[in-house]
Amino acid sequence: TGGRTGGQKYTEARVMNDYLVKKGINESRIYMEGKAKDTNQNIDYSKKIVGEGNNPKIIIVTNGYHIYRSILLCRKAGLTHVEGLGVSTPMGMHLSSYGREAAALAKEYIMGNVDFFK
């Protein structure tokens, strides 16, 4: 799931689709959502793909620094069987990536979208 951000030529969904196919995943098993512009939209659009009624098991594959907030937002959206699988971040991007994520987490808390104390 994920649309185009910035000046990207392809959606995040397309890039991941192509990566998974190269790794041997049959394309018929992949569902793409290419409209989302942020994590909340990723979750909303993905819920429509997997269906809300059956409370599916969700595994979020994202950068390691992004898992915590993603899981909190999923739970806020009613998805309770959620786990994260973190991928590595290039060493030179740690400071900016973790800093940006901390700011995003604070914003979600202020807006009432996440609760650290539940």
PDB file of N, CA and C in Angstrom:
ATOM      1  N   THR A   1       0.836  -1.169   0.000  1.00  0.00           N
ATOM      2  CA  THR A   1       0.000   0.000   0.000  1.00  0.00           C
ATOM      3  C   THR A   1       0.880   1.230   0.000  1.00  0.00           C
ATOM      4  N   GLY A   2       0.431   2.242  -0.685  1.00  0.00           N
ATOM      5  CA  GLY A   2       1.173   3.496  -0.726  1.00  0.00           C
ATOM      6  C   GLY A   2       1.186   4.099  -2.106  1.00  0.00           C
ATOM      7  N   GLY A   3       0.915   5.377  -2.133  1.00  0.00           N
ATOM      8  CA  GLY A   3       0.905   6.097  -3.399  1.00  0.00           C
ATOM      9  C   GLY A   3       2.251   6.712  -3.708  1.00  0.00           C
ATOM     10  N   ARG A   4       2.215   7.680  -4.593  1.00  0.00           N
ATOM     11  CA  ARG A   4       3.428   8.415  -4.946  1.00  0.00           C
ATOM     12  C   ARG A   4       3.601   9.572  -3.991  1.00  0.00           C
ATOM     13  N   THR A   5       4.820   9.758  -3.543  1.00  0.00           N
ATOM     14  CA  THR A   5       5.126  10.914  -2.717  1.00  0.00           C
ATOM     15  C   THR A   5       6.275  11.662  -3.358  1.00  0.00           C
ATOM     16  N   GLY A   6       6.281  12.960  -3.151  1.00  0.00           N
ATOM     17  CA  GLY A   6       7.350  13.762  -3.737  1.00  0.00           C
ATOM     18  C   GLY A   6       7.381  13.636  -5.238  1.00  0.00           C
ATOM     19  N   GLY A   7       8.547  13.465  -5.777  1.00  0.00           N
ATOM     20  CA  GLY A   7       8.697  13.351  -7.221  1.00  0.00           C
ATOM     21  C   GLY A   7       8.868  11.926  -7.699  1.00  0.00           C
ATOM     22  N   GLN A   8       8.376  10.971  -6.926  1.00  0.00           N
ATOM     23  CA  GLN A   8       8.541   9.572  -7.302  1.00  0.00           C
ATOM     24  C   GLN A   8       7.811   9.254  -8.600  1.00  0.00           C
ATOM     25  N   LYS A   9       8.451   8.422  -9.420  1.00  0.00           N
ATOM     26  CA  LYS A   9       7.860   8.017 -10.690  1.00  0.00           C
ATOM     27  C   LYS A   9       6.795   6.944 -10.493  1.00  0.00           C
ATOM     28  N   TYR A  10       7.017   6.036  -9.519  1.00  0.00           N
ATOM     29  CA  TYR A  10       6.106   4.917  -9.279  1.00  0.00           C
ATOM     30  C   TYR A  10       5.536   4.996  -7.868  1.00  0.00           C
ATOM     31  N   THR A  11       4.375   4.398  -7.681  1.00  0.00           N
ATOM     32  CA  THR A  11       3.789   4.340  -6.346  1.00  0.00           C
ATOM     33  C   THR A  11       4.594   3.368  -5.483  1.00  0.00           C
ATOM     34  N   GLU A  12       4.495   3.556  -4.166  1.00  0.00           N
ATOM     35  CA  GLU A  12       5.137   2.621  -3.251  1.00  0.00           C
ATOM     36  C   GLU A  12       4.577   1.216  -3.467  1.00  0.00           C
ATOM     37  N   ALA A  13       3.285   1.129  -3.735  1.00  0.00           N
ATOM     38  CA  ALA A  13       2.659  -0.174  -3.975  1.00  0.00           C
ATOM     39  C   ALA A  13       3.280  -0.862  -5.194  1.00  0.00           C
ATOM     40  N   ARG A  14       3.506  -0.141  -6.264  1.00  0.00           N
ATOM     41  CA  ARG A  14       4.096  -0.711  -7.482  1.00  0.00           C
ATOM     42  C   ARG A  14       5.527  -1.177  -7.228  1.00  0.00           C
ATOM     43  N   VAL A  15       6.302  -0.384  -6.519  1.00  0.00           N
ATOM     44  CA  VAL A  15       7.685  -0.747  -6.228  1.00  0.00           C
ATOM     45  C   VAL A  15       7.736  -2.031  -5.402  1.00  0.00           C
ATOM     46  N   MET A  16       6.882  -2.124  -4.381  1.00  0.00           N
ATOM     47  CA  MET A  16       6.863  -3.320  -3.549  1.00  0.00           C
ATOM     48  C   MET A  16       6.338  -4.534  -4.323  1.00  0.00           C
ATOM     49  N   ASN A  17       5.346  -4.317  -5.163  1.00  0.00           N
ATOM     50  CA  ASN A  17       4.834  -5.404  -6.012  1.00  0.00           C
ATOM     51  C   ASN A  17       5.973  -5.986  -6.845  1.00  0.00           C
ATOM     52  N   ASP A  18       6.700  -5.125  -7.504  1.00  0.00           N
ATOM     53  CA  ASP A  18       7.786  -5.579  -8.369  1.00  0.00           C
ATOM     54  C   ASP A  18       8.870  -6.294  -7.561  1.00  0.00           C
ATOM     55  N   TYR A  19       9.180  -5.797  -6.369  1.00  0.00           N
ATOM     56  CA  TYR A  19      10.171  -6.428  -5.505  1.00  0.00           C
ATOM     57  C   TYR A  19       9.723  -7.836  -5.101  1.00  0.00           C
ATOM     58  N   LEU A  20       8.462  -7.958  -4.670  1.00  0.00           N
ATOM     59  CA  LEU A  20       7.952  -9.265  -4.243  1.00  0.00           C
ATOM     60  C   LEU A  20       7.926 -10.265  -5.389  1.00  0.00           C
ATOM     61  N   VAL A  21       7.554  -9.811  -6.575  1.00  0.00           N
ATOM     62  CA  VAL A  21       7.545 -10.697  -7.745  1.00  0.00           C
ATOM     63  C   VAL A  21       8.966 -11.179  -8.041  1.00  0.00           C
ATOM     64  N   LYS A  22       9.944 -10.274  -7.955  1.00  0.00           N
ATOM     65  CA  LYS A  22      11.341 -10.672  -8.164  1.00  0.00           C
ATOM     66  C   LYS A  22      11.791 -11.693  -7.132  1.00  0.00           C
ATOM     67  N   LYS A  23      11.215 -11.650  -5.939  1.00  0.00           N
ATOM     68  CA  LYS A  23      11.576 -12.581  -4.868  1.00  0.00           C
ATOM     69  C   LYS A  23      10.783 -13.885  -4.945  1.00  0.00           C
ATOM     70  N   GLY A  24       9.943 -14.038  -5.981  1.00  0.00           N
ATOM     71  CA  GLY A  24       9.260 -15.304  -6.206  1.00  0.00           C
ATOM     72  C   GLY A  24       7.804 -15.357  -5.766  1.00  0.00           C
ATOM     73  N   ILE A  25       7.241 -14.245  -5.320  1.00  0.00           N
ATOM     74  CA  ILE A  25       5.830 -14.234  -4.936  1.00  0.00           C
ATOM     75  C   ILE A  25       4.984 -14.142  -6.208  1.00  0.00           C
ATOM     76  N   ASN A  26       3.998 -15.006  -6.335  1.00  0.00           N
ATOM     77  CA  ASN A  26       3.110 -14.979  -7.490  1.00  0.00           C
ATOM     78  C   ASN A  26       2.293 -13.684  -7.443  1.00  0.00           C
ATOM     79  N   GLU A  27       2.302 -12.961  -8.537  1.00  0.00           N
ATOM     80  CA  GLU A  27       1.626 -11.660  -8.584  1.00  0.00           C
ATOM     81  C   GLU A  27       0.134 -11.755  -8.270  1.00  0.00           C
ATOM     82  N   SER A  28      -0.470 -12.904  -8.513  1.00  0.00           N
ATOM     83  CA  SER A  28      -1.902 -13.059  -8.224  1.00  0.00           C
ATOM     84  C   SER A  28      -2.194 -13.011  -6.723  1.00  0.00           C
ATOM     85  N   ARG A  29      -1.151 -13.169  -5.883  1.00  0.00           N
ATOM     86  CA  ARG A  29      -1.325 -13.121  -4.429  1.00  0.00           C
ATOM     87  C   ARG A  29      -1.157 -11.709  -3.872  1.00  0.00           C
ATOM     88  N   ILE A  30      -0.846 -10.750  -4.723  1.00  0.00           N
ATOM     89  CA  ILE A  30      -0.535  -9.393  -4.264  1.00  0.00           C
ATOM     90  C   ILE A  30      -1.699  -8.464  -4.590  1.00  0.00           C
ATOM     91  N   TYR A  31      -2.129  -7.737  -3.572  1.00  0.00           N
ATOM     92  CA  TYR A  31      -3.153  -6.711  -3.736  1.00  0.00           C
ATOM     93  C   TYR A  31      -2.489  -5.363  -3.557  1.00  0.00           C
ATOM     94  N   MET A  32      -2.633  -4.490  -4.543  1.00  0.00           N
ATOM     95  CA  MET A  32      -1.990  -3.184  -4.465  1.00  0.00           C
ATOM     96  C   MET A  32      -3.004  -2.096  -4.182  1.00  0.00           C
ATOM     97  N   GLU A  33      -2.589  -1.165  -3.362  1.00  0.00           N
ATOM     98  CA  GLU A  33      -3.355   0.046  -3.089  1.00  0.00           C
ATOM     99  C   GLU A  33      -2.387   1.192  -3.332  1.00  0.00           C
ATOM    100  N   GLY A  34      -2.624   1.991  -4.330  1.00  0.00           N
ATOM    101  CA  GLY A  34      -1.674   3.016  -4.721  1.00  0.00           C
ATOM    102  C   GLY A  34      -2.134   4.449  -4.547  1.00  0.00           C
ATOM    103  N   LYS A  35      -3.126   4.685  -3.682  1.00  0.00           N
ATOM    104  CA  LYS A  35      -3.635   6.054  -3.497  1.00  0.00           C
ATOM    105  C   LYS A  35      -3.158   6.707  -2.204  1.00  0.00           C
ATOM    106  N   ALA A  36      -2.820   5.922  -1.200  1.00  0.00           N
ATOM    107  CA  ALA A  36      -2.535   6.454   0.136  1.00  0.00           C
ATOM    108  C   ALA A  36      -1.348   7.415   0.124  1.00  0.00           C
ATOM    109  N   LYS A  37      -1.498   8.506   0.855  1.00  0.00           N
ATOM    110  CA  LYS A  37      -0.445   9.510   0.966  1.00  0.00           C
ATOM    111  C   LYS A  37       0.187   9.539   2.349  1.00  0.00           C
ATOM    112  N   ASP A  38      -0.406   8.836   3.322  1.00  0.00           N
ATOM    113  CA  ASP A  38       0.157   8.794   4.669  1.00  0.00           C
ATOM    114  C   ASP A  38      -0.262   7.490   5.353  1.00  0.00           C
ATOM    115  N   THR A  39       0.237   7.284   6.549  1.00  0.00           N
ATOM    116  CA  THR A  39      -0.001   6.025   7.256  1.00  0.00           C
ATOM    117  C   THR A  39      -1.479   5.804   7.547  1.00  0.00           C
ATOM    118  N   ASN A  40      -2.188   6.836   7.942  1.00  0.00           N
ATOM    119  CA  ASN A  40      -3.620   6.685   8.219  1.00  0.00           C
ATOM    120  C   ASN A  40      -4.382   6.243   6.968  1.00  0.00           C
ATOM    121  N   GLN A  41      -4.050   6.815   5.822  1.00  0.00           N
ATOM    122  CA  GLN A  41      -4.697   6.397   4.582  1.00  0.00           C
ATOM    123  C   GLN A  41      -4.281   4.981   4.206  1.00  0.00           C
ATOM    124  N   ASN A  42      -3.009   4.613   4.444  1.00  0.00           N
ATOM    125  CA  ASN A  42      -2.568   3.226   4.203  1.00  0.00           C
ATOM    126  C   ASN A  42      -3.484   2.271   4.946  1.00  0.00           C
ATOM    127  N   ILE A  43      -3.767   2.583   6.198  1.00  0.00           N
ATOM    128  CA  ILE A  43      -4.584   1.706   7.037  1.00  0.00           C
ATOM    129  C   ILE A  43      -6.034   1.697   6.554  1.00  0.00           C
ATOM    130  N   ASP A  44      -6.588   2.857   6.300  1.00  0.00           N
ATOM    131  CA  ASP A  44      -7.990   2.934   5.853  1.00  0.00           C
ATOM    132  C   ASP A  44      -8.207   2.168   4.547  1.00  0.00           C
ATOM    133  N   TYR A  45      -7.352   2.397   3.576  1.00  0.00           N
ATOM    134  CA  TYR A  45      -7.503   1.730   2.290  1.00  0.00           C
ATOM    135  C   TYR A  45      -7.246   0.226   2.407  1.00  0.00           C
ATOM    136  N   SER A  46      -6.288  -0.154   3.238  1.00  0.00           N
ATOM    137  CA  SER A  46      -5.979  -1.575   3.418  1.00  0.00           C
ATOM    138  C   SER A  46      -7.117  -2.311   4.107  1.00  0.00           C
ATOM    139  N   LYS A  47      -7.785  -1.641   5.033  1.00  0.00           N
ATOM    140  CA  LYS A  47      -8.930  -2.266   5.698  1.00  0.00           C
ATOM    141  C   LYS A  47     -10.001  -2.635   4.685  1.00  0.00           C
ATOM    142  N   LYS A  48     -10.169  -1.830   3.662  1.00  0.00           N
ATOM    143  CA  LYS A  48     -11.160  -2.126   2.633  1.00  0.00           C
ATOM    144  C   LYS A  48     -10.757  -3.349   1.812  1.00  0.00           C
ATOM    145  N   ILE A  49      -9.455  -3.563   1.655  1.00  0.00           N
ATOM    146  CA  ILE A  49      -8.976  -4.710   0.888  1.00  0.00           C
ATOM    147  C   ILE A  49      -9.139  -5.997   1.687  1.00  0.00           C
ATOM    148  N   VAL A  50      -8.731  -5.982   2.958  1.00  0.00           N
ATOM    149  CA  VAL A  50      -8.750  -7.216   3.753  1.00  0.00           C
ATOM    150  C   VAL A  50     -10.094  -7.474   4.412  1.00  0.00           C
ATOM    151  N   GLY A  51     -10.928  -6.462   4.513  1.00  0.00           N
ATOM    152  CA  GLY A  51     -12.236  -6.622   5.144  1.00  0.00           C
ATOM    153  C   GLY A  51     -12.140  -6.464   6.649  1.00  0.00           C
ATOM    154  N   GLU A  52     -13.037  -5.697   7.203  1.00  0.00           N
ATOM    155  CA  GLU A  52     -12.999  -5.403   8.634  1.00  0.00           C
ATOM    156  C   GLU A  52     -13.669  -6.478   9.474  1.00  0.00           C
ATOM    157  N   GLY A  53     -14.656  -7.160   8.928  1.00  0.00           N
ATOM    158  CA  GLY A  53     -15.478  -8.050   9.717  1.00  0.00           C
ATOM    159  C   GLY A  53     -14.785  -9.274  10.269  1.00  0.00           C
ATOM    160  N   ASN A  54     -13.770  -9.764   9.592  1.00  0.00           N
ATOM    161  CA  ASN A  54     -13.161 -11.013  10.026  1.00  0.00           C
ATOM    162  C   ASN A  54     -11.924 -10.820  10.904  1.00  0.00           C
ATOM    163  N   ASN A  55     -11.609  -9.590  11.295  1.00  0.00           N
ATOM    164  CA  ASN A  55     -10.471  -9.263  12.152  1.00  0.00           C
ATOM    165  C   ASN A  55      -9.214 -10.028  11.727  1.00  0.00           C
ATOM    166  N   PRO A  56      -8.728  -9.749  10.526  1.00  0.00           N
ATOM    167  CA  PRO A  56      -7.613 -10.523   9.982  1.00  0.00           C
ATOM    168  C   PRO A  56      -6.304 -10.258  10.717  1.00  0.00           C
ATOM    169  N   LYS A  57      -5.390 -11.205  10.593  1.00  0.00           N
ATOM    170  CA  LYS A  57      -4.045 -10.992  11.108  1.00  0.00           C
ATOM    171  C   LYS A  57      -3.304 -10.137  10.098  1.00  0.00           C
ATOM    172  N   ILE A  58      -2.738  -9.059  10.571  1.00  0.00           N
ATOM    173  CA  ILE A  58      -2.044  -8.100   9.713  1.00  0.00           C
ATOM    174  C   ILE A  58      -0.572  -8.085  10.108  1.00  0.00           C
ATOM    175  N   ILE A  59       0.304  -8.144   9.132  1.00  0.00           N
ATOM    176  CA  ILE A  59       1.728  -7.951   9.372  1.00  0.00           C
ATOM    177  C   ILE A  59       2.147  -6.719   8.588  1.00  0.00           C
ATOM    178  N   ILE A  60       2.584  -5.718   9.308  1.00  0.00           N
ATOM    179  CA  ILE A  60       3.032  -4.481   8.687  1.00  0.00           C
ATOM    180  C   ILE A  60       4.520  -4.604   8.407  1.00  0.00           C
ATOM    181  N   VAL A  61       4.884  -4.444   7.156  1.00  0.00           N
ATOM    182  CA  VAL A  61       6.294  -4.457   6.775  1.00  0.00           C
ATOM    183  C   VAL A  61       6.657  -3.016   6.440  1.00  0.00           C
ATOM    184  N   THR A  62       7.542  -2.467   7.245  1.00  0.00           N
ATOM    185  CA  THR A  62       7.932  -1.075   7.067  1.00  0.00           C
ATOM    186  C   THR A  62       9.303  -0.876   7.695  1.00  0.00           C
ATOM    187  N   ASN A  63       9.806   0.324   7.647  1.00  0.00           N
ATOM    188  CA  ASN A  63      11.075   0.608   8.305  1.00  0.00           C
ATOM    189  C   ASN A  63      10.924   0.370   9.798  1.00  0.00           C
ATOM    190  N   GLY A  64      11.976  -0.115  10.423  1.00  0.00           N
ATOM    191  CA  GLY A  64      11.935  -0.440  11.836  1.00  0.00           C
ATOM    192  C   GLY A  64      11.459   0.707  12.708  1.00  0.00           C
ATOM    193  N   TYR A  65      11.858   1.925  12.379  1.00  0.00           N
ATOM    194  CA  TYR A  65      11.472   3.079  13.192  1.00  0.00           C
ATOM    195  C   TYR A  65       9.982   3.397  13.079  1.00  0.00           C
ATOM    196  N   HIS A  66       9.309   2.879  12.084  1.00  0.00           N
ATOM    197  CA  HIS A  66       7.916   3.238  11.793  1.00  0.00           C
ATOM    198  C   HIS A  66       6.906   2.222  12.346  1.00  0.00           C
ATOM    199  N   ILE A  67       7.381   1.095  12.845  1.00  0.00           N
ATOM    200  CA  ILE A  67       6.480   0.020  13.277  1.00  0.00           C
ATOM    201  C   ILE A  67       5.604   0.430  14.455  1.00  0.00           C
ATOM    202  N   TYR A  68       6.196   1.015  15.475  1.00  0.00           N
ATOM    203  CA  TYR A  68       5.454   1.337  16.698  1.00  0.00           C
ATOM    204  C   TYR A  68       4.221   2.198  16.393  1.00  0.00           C
ATOM    205  N   ARG A  69       4.426   3.290  15.668  1.00  0.00           N
ATOM    206  CA  ARG A  69       3.306   4.178  15.347  1.00  0.00           C
ATOM    207  C   ARG A  69       2.297   3.484  14.439  1.00  0.00           C
ATOM    208  N   SER A  70       2.767   2.705  13.493  1.00  0.00           N
ATOM    209  CA  SER A  70       1.865   2.000  12.584  1.00  0.00           C
ATOM    210  C   SER A  70       0.940   1.054  13.342  1.00  0.00           C
ATOM    211  N   ILE A  71       1.504   0.311  14.283  1.00  0.00           N
ATOM    212  CA  ILE A  71       0.689  -0.618  15.066  1.00  0.00           C
ATOM    213  C   ILE A  71      -0.314   0.136  15.925  1.00  0.00           C
ATOM    214  N   LEU A  72       0.115   1.229  16.551  1.00  0.00           N
ATOM    215  CA  LEU A  72      -0.816   2.030  17.356  1.00  0.00           C
ATOM    216  C   LEU A  72      -1.981   2.546  16.505  1.00  0.00           C
ATOM    217  N   LEU A  73      -1.675   3.025  15.306  1.00  0.00           N
ATOM    218  CA  LEU A  73      -2.728   3.543  14.427  1.00  0.00           C
ATOM    219  C   LEU A  73      -3.659   2.431  13.947  1.00  0.00           C
ATOM    220  N   CYS A  74      -3.113   1.256  13.685  1.00  0.00           N
ATOM    221  CA  CYS A  74      -3.959   0.119  13.304  1.00  0.00           C
ATOM    222  C   CYS A  74      -4.925  -0.222  14.429  1.00  0.00           C
ATOM    223  N   ARG A  75      -4.422  -0.272  15.632  1.00  0.00           N
ATOM    224  CA  ARG A  75      -5.286  -0.595  16.772  1.00  0.00           C
ATOM    225  C   ARG A  75      -6.366   0.462  16.956  1.00  0.00           C
ATOM    226  N   LYS A  76      -6.008   1.711  16.753  1.00  0.00           N
ATOM    227  CA  LYS A  76      -6.993   2.796  16.835  1.00  0.00           C
ATOM    228  C   LYS A  76      -8.079   2.594  15.772  1.00  0.00           C
ATOM    229  N   ALA A  77      -7.684   2.035  14.625  1.00  0.00           N
ATOM    230  CA  ALA A  77      -8.623   1.800  13.522  1.00  0.00           C
ATOM    231  C   ALA A  77      -9.405   0.502  13.691  1.00  0.00           C
ATOM    232  N   GLY A  78      -9.199  -0.200  14.813  1.00  0.00           N
ATOM    233  CA  GLY A  78      -9.968  -1.408  15.086  1.00  0.00           C
ATOM    234  C   GLY A  78      -9.319  -2.706  14.661  1.00  0.00           C
ATOM    235  N   LEU A  79      -8.106  -2.651  14.170  1.00  0.00           N
ATOM    236  CA  LEU A  79      -7.389  -3.864  13.779  1.00  0.00           C
ATOM    237  C   LEU A  79      -6.556  -4.311  14.981  1.00  0.00           C
ATOM    238  N   THR A  80      -6.898  -5.456  15.546  1.00  0.00           N
ATOM    239  CA  THR A  80      -6.267  -5.865  16.802  1.00  0.00           C
ATOM    240  C   THR A  80      -5.216  -6.949  16.648  1.00  0.00           C
ATOM    241  N   HIS A  81      -5.238  -7.690  15.561  1.00  0.00           N
ATOM    242  CA  HIS A  81      -4.250  -8.753  15.327  1.00  0.00           C
ATOM    243  C   HIS A  81      -3.155  -8.214  14.409  1.00  0.00           C
ATOM    244  N   VAL A  82      -2.334  -7.314  14.946  1.00  0.00           N
ATOM    245  CA  VAL A  82      -1.337  -6.616  14.142  1.00  0.00           C
ATOM    246  C   VAL A  82       0.059  -6.870  14.709  1.00  0.00           C
ATOM    247  N   GLU A  83       0.971  -7.190  13.820  1.00  0.00           N
ATOM    248  CA  GLU A  83       2.378  -7.341  14.166  1.00  0.00           C
ATOM    249  C   GLU A  83       3.199  -6.530  13.174  1.00  0.00           C
ATOM    250  N   GLY A  84       4.425  -6.241  13.547  1.00  0.00           N
ATOM    251  CA  GLY A  84       5.302  -5.490  12.671  1.00  0.00           C
ATOM    252  C   GLY A  84       6.536  -6.269  12.287  1.00  0.00           C
ATOM    253  N   LEU A  85       6.979  -6.065  11.083  1.00  0.00           N
ATOM    254  CA  LEU A  85       8.219  -6.646  10.587  1.00  0.00           C
ATOM    255  C   LEU A  85       9.056  -5.489  10.066  1.00  0.00           C
ATOM    256  N   GLY A  86      10.100  -5.161  10.793  1.00  0.00           N
ATOM    257  CA  GLY A  86      10.908  -3.997  10.435  1.00  0.00           C
ATOM    258  C   GLY A  86      12.035  -4.326   9.485  1.00  0.00           C
ATOM    259  N   VAL A  87      12.219  -3.442   8.547  1.00  0.00           N
ATOM    260  CA  VAL A  87      13.354  -3.546   7.639  1.00  0.00           C
ATOM    261  C   VAL A  87      14.376  -2.490   8.043  1.00  0.00           C
ATOM    262  N   SER A  88      15.606  -2.694   7.648  1.00  0.00           N
ATOM    263  CA  SER A  88      16.671  -1.793   8.085  1.00  0.00           C
ATOM    264  C   SER A  88      16.601  -0.452   7.362  1.00  0.00           C
ATOM    265  N   THR A  89      17.163   0.527   8.019  1.00  0.00           N
ATOM    266  CA  THR A  89      17.263   1.877   7.484  1.00  0.00           C
ATOM    267  C   THR A  89      18.736   2.149   7.204  1.00  0.00           C
ATOM    268  N   PRO A  90      19.065   2.710   6.050  1.00  0.00           N
ATOM    269  CA  PRO A  90      20.474   3.021   5.784  1.00  0.00           C
ATOM    270  C   PRO A  90      21.064   3.884   6.900  1.00  0.00           C
ATOM    271  N   MET A  91      22.281   3.584   7.291  1.00  0.00           N
ATOM    272  CA  MET A  91      22.912   4.217   8.436  1.00  0.00           C
ATOM    273  C   MET A  91      22.871   5.749   8.382  1.00  0.00           C
ATOM    274  N   GLY A  92      23.085   6.329   7.267  1.00  0.00           N
ATOM    275  CA  GLY A  92      23.110   7.784   7.161  1.00  0.00           C
ATOM    276  C   GLY A  92      21.753   8.445   7.346  1.00  0.00           C
ATOM    277  N   MET A  93      20.690   7.651   7.381  1.00  0.00           N
ATOM    278  CA  MET A  93      19.338   8.214   7.496  1.00  0.00           C
ATOM    279  C   MET A  93      18.737   8.051   8.891  1.00  0.00           C
ATOM    280  N   HIS A  94      19.459   7.437   9.831  1.00  0.00           N
ATOM    281  CA  HIS A  94      18.904   7.177  11.152  1.00  0.00           C
ATOM    282  C   HIS A  94      18.436   8.435  11.872  1.00  0.00           C
ATOM    283  N   LEU A  95      19.275   9.424  11.966  1.00  0.00           N
ATOM    284  CA  LEU A  95      18.938  10.619  12.739  1.00  0.00           C
ATOM    285  C   LEU A  95      17.705  11.309  12.178  1.00  0.00           C
ATOM    286  N   SER A  96      17.666  11.554  10.882  1.00  0.00           N
ATOM    287  CA  SER A  96      16.517  12.246  10.300  1.00  0.00           C
ATOM    288  C   SER A  96      15.259  11.386  10.341  1.00  0.00           C
ATOM    289  N   SER A  97      15.399  10.085  10.099  1.00  0.00           N
ATOM    290  CA  SER A  97      14.232   9.200  10.070  1.00  0.00           C
ATOM    291  C   SER A  97      13.609   9.040  11.453  1.00  0.00           C
ATOM    292  N   TYR A  98      14.446   8.768  12.446  1.00  0.00           N
ATOM    293  CA  TYR A  98      13.919   8.602  13.798  1.00  0.00           C
ATOM    294  C   TYR A  98      13.398   9.918  14.352  1.00  0.00           C
ATOM    295  N   GLY A  99      14.049  11.016  14.015  1.00  0.00           N
ATOM    296  CA  GLY A  99      13.569  12.333  14.444  1.00  0.00           C
ATOM    297  C   GLY A  99      12.211  12.668  13.844  1.00  0.00           C
ATOM    298  N   ARG A 100      12.067  12.413  12.550  1.00  0.00           N
ATOM    299  CA  ARG A 100      10.793  12.667  11.866  1.00  0.00           C
ATOM    300  C   ARG A 100       9.694  11.788  12.456  1.00  0.00           C
ATOM    301  N   GLU A 101      10.024  10.532  12.752  1.00  0.00           N
ATOM    302  CA  GLU A 101       9.036   9.616  13.310  1.00  0.00           C
ATOM    303  C   GLU A 101       8.606  10.052  14.713  1.00  0.00           C
ATOM    304  N   ALA A 102       9.548  10.540  15.509  1.00  0.00           N
ATOM    305  CA  ALA A 102       9.207  11.028  16.850  1.00  0.00           C
ATOM    306  C   ALA A 102       8.246  12.209  16.748  1.00  0.00           C
ATOM    307  N   ALA A 103       8.491  13.106  15.802  1.00  0.00           N
ATOM    308  CA  ALA A 103       7.593  14.243  15.605  1.00  0.00           C
ATOM    309  C   ALA A 103       6.215  13.785  15.137  1.00  0.00           C
ATOM    310  N   ALA A 104       6.183  12.806  14.246  1.00  0.00           N
ATOM    311  CA  ALA A 104       4.902  12.278  13.754  1.00  0.00           C
ATOM    312  C   ALA A 104       4.129  11.584  14.874  1.00  0.00           C
ATOM    313  N   LEU A 105       4.828  10.877  15.732  1.00  0.00           N
ATOM    314  CA  LEU A 105       4.192  10.205  16.862  1.00  0.00           C
ATOM    315  C   LEU A 105       3.609  11.221  17.833  1.00  0.00           C
ATOM    316  N   ALA A 106       4.348  12.292  18.094  1.00  0.00           N
ATOM    317  CA  ALA A 106       3.843  13.365  18.959  1.00  0.00           C
ATOM    318  C   ALA A 106       2.597  14.005  18.350  1.00  0.00           C
ATOM    319  N   LYS A 107       2.612  14.241  17.051  1.00  0.00           N
ATOM    320  CA  LYS A 107       1.447  14.817  16.363  1.00  0.00           C
ATOM    321  C   LYS A 107       0.229  13.913  16.501  1.00  0.00           C
ATOM    322  N   GLU A 108       0.411  12.609  16.281  1.00  0.00           N
ATOM    323  CA  GLU A 108      -0.708  11.666  16.397  1.00  0.00           C
ATOM    324  C   GLU A 108      -1.256  11.638  17.823  1.00  0.00           C
ATOM    325  N   TYR A 109      -0.369  11.752  18.797  1.00  0.00           N
ATOM    326  CA  TYR A 109      -0.805  11.775  20.202  1.00  0.00           C
ATOM    327  C   TYR A 109      -1.614  13.043  20.487  1.00  0.00           C
ATOM    328  N   ILE A 110      -1.120  14.173  20.048  1.00  0.00           N
ATOM    329  CA  ILE A 110      -1.816  15.451  20.257  1.00  0.00           C
ATOM    330  C   ILE A 110      -3.179  15.447  19.575  1.00  0.00           C
ATOM    331  N   MET A 111      -3.263  14.836  18.405  1.00  0.00           N
ATOM    332  CA  MET A 111      -4.525  14.792  17.659  1.00  0.00           C
ATOM    333  C   MET A 111      -5.474  13.719  18.197  1.00  0.00           C
ATOM    334  N   GLY A 112      -5.011  12.935  19.174  1.00  0.00           N
ATOM    335  CA  GLY A 112      -5.857  11.909  19.766  1.00  0.00           C
ATOM    336  C   GLY A 112      -5.929  10.622  18.967  1.00  0.00           C
ATOM    337  N   ASN A 113      -5.006  10.434  18.046  1.00  0.00           N
ATOM    338  CA  ASN A 113      -5.026   9.234  17.208  1.00  0.00           C
ATOM    339  C   ASN A 113      -4.320   8.047  17.833  1.00  0.00           C
ATOM    340  N   VAL A 114      -3.443   8.279  18.786  1.00  0.00           N
ATOM    341  CA  VAL A 114      -2.755   7.191  19.478  1.00  0.00           C
ATOM    342  C   VAL A 114      -2.773   7.457  20.970  1.00  0.00           C
ATOM    343  N   ASP A 115      -2.723   6.378  21.728  1.00  0.00           N
ATOM    344  CA  ASP A 115      -2.676   6.485  23.180  1.00  0.00           C
ATOM    345  C   ASP A 115      -1.608   5.537  23.684  1.00  0.00           C
ATOM    346  N   PHE A 116      -0.542   6.085  24.233  1.00  0.00           N
ATOM    347  CA  PHE A 116       0.582   5.290  24.704  1.00  0.00           C
ATOM    348  C   PHE A 116       0.246   4.496  25.970  1.00  0.00           C
ATOM    349  N   PHE A 117      -0.806   4.894  26.636  1.00  0.00           N
ATOM    350  CA  PHE A 117      -1.077   4.369  27.975  1.00  0.00           C
ATOM    351  C   PHE A 117      -2.146   3.287  28.010  1.00  0.00           C
ATOM    352  N   LYS A 118      -2.572   2.800  26.871  1.00  0.00           N
ATOM    353  CA  LYS A 118      -3.570   1.715  26.817  1.00  0.00           C
ATOM    354  C   LYS A 118      -2.887   0.396  26.787  1.00  0.00           C
TER     355      LYS A 118
END
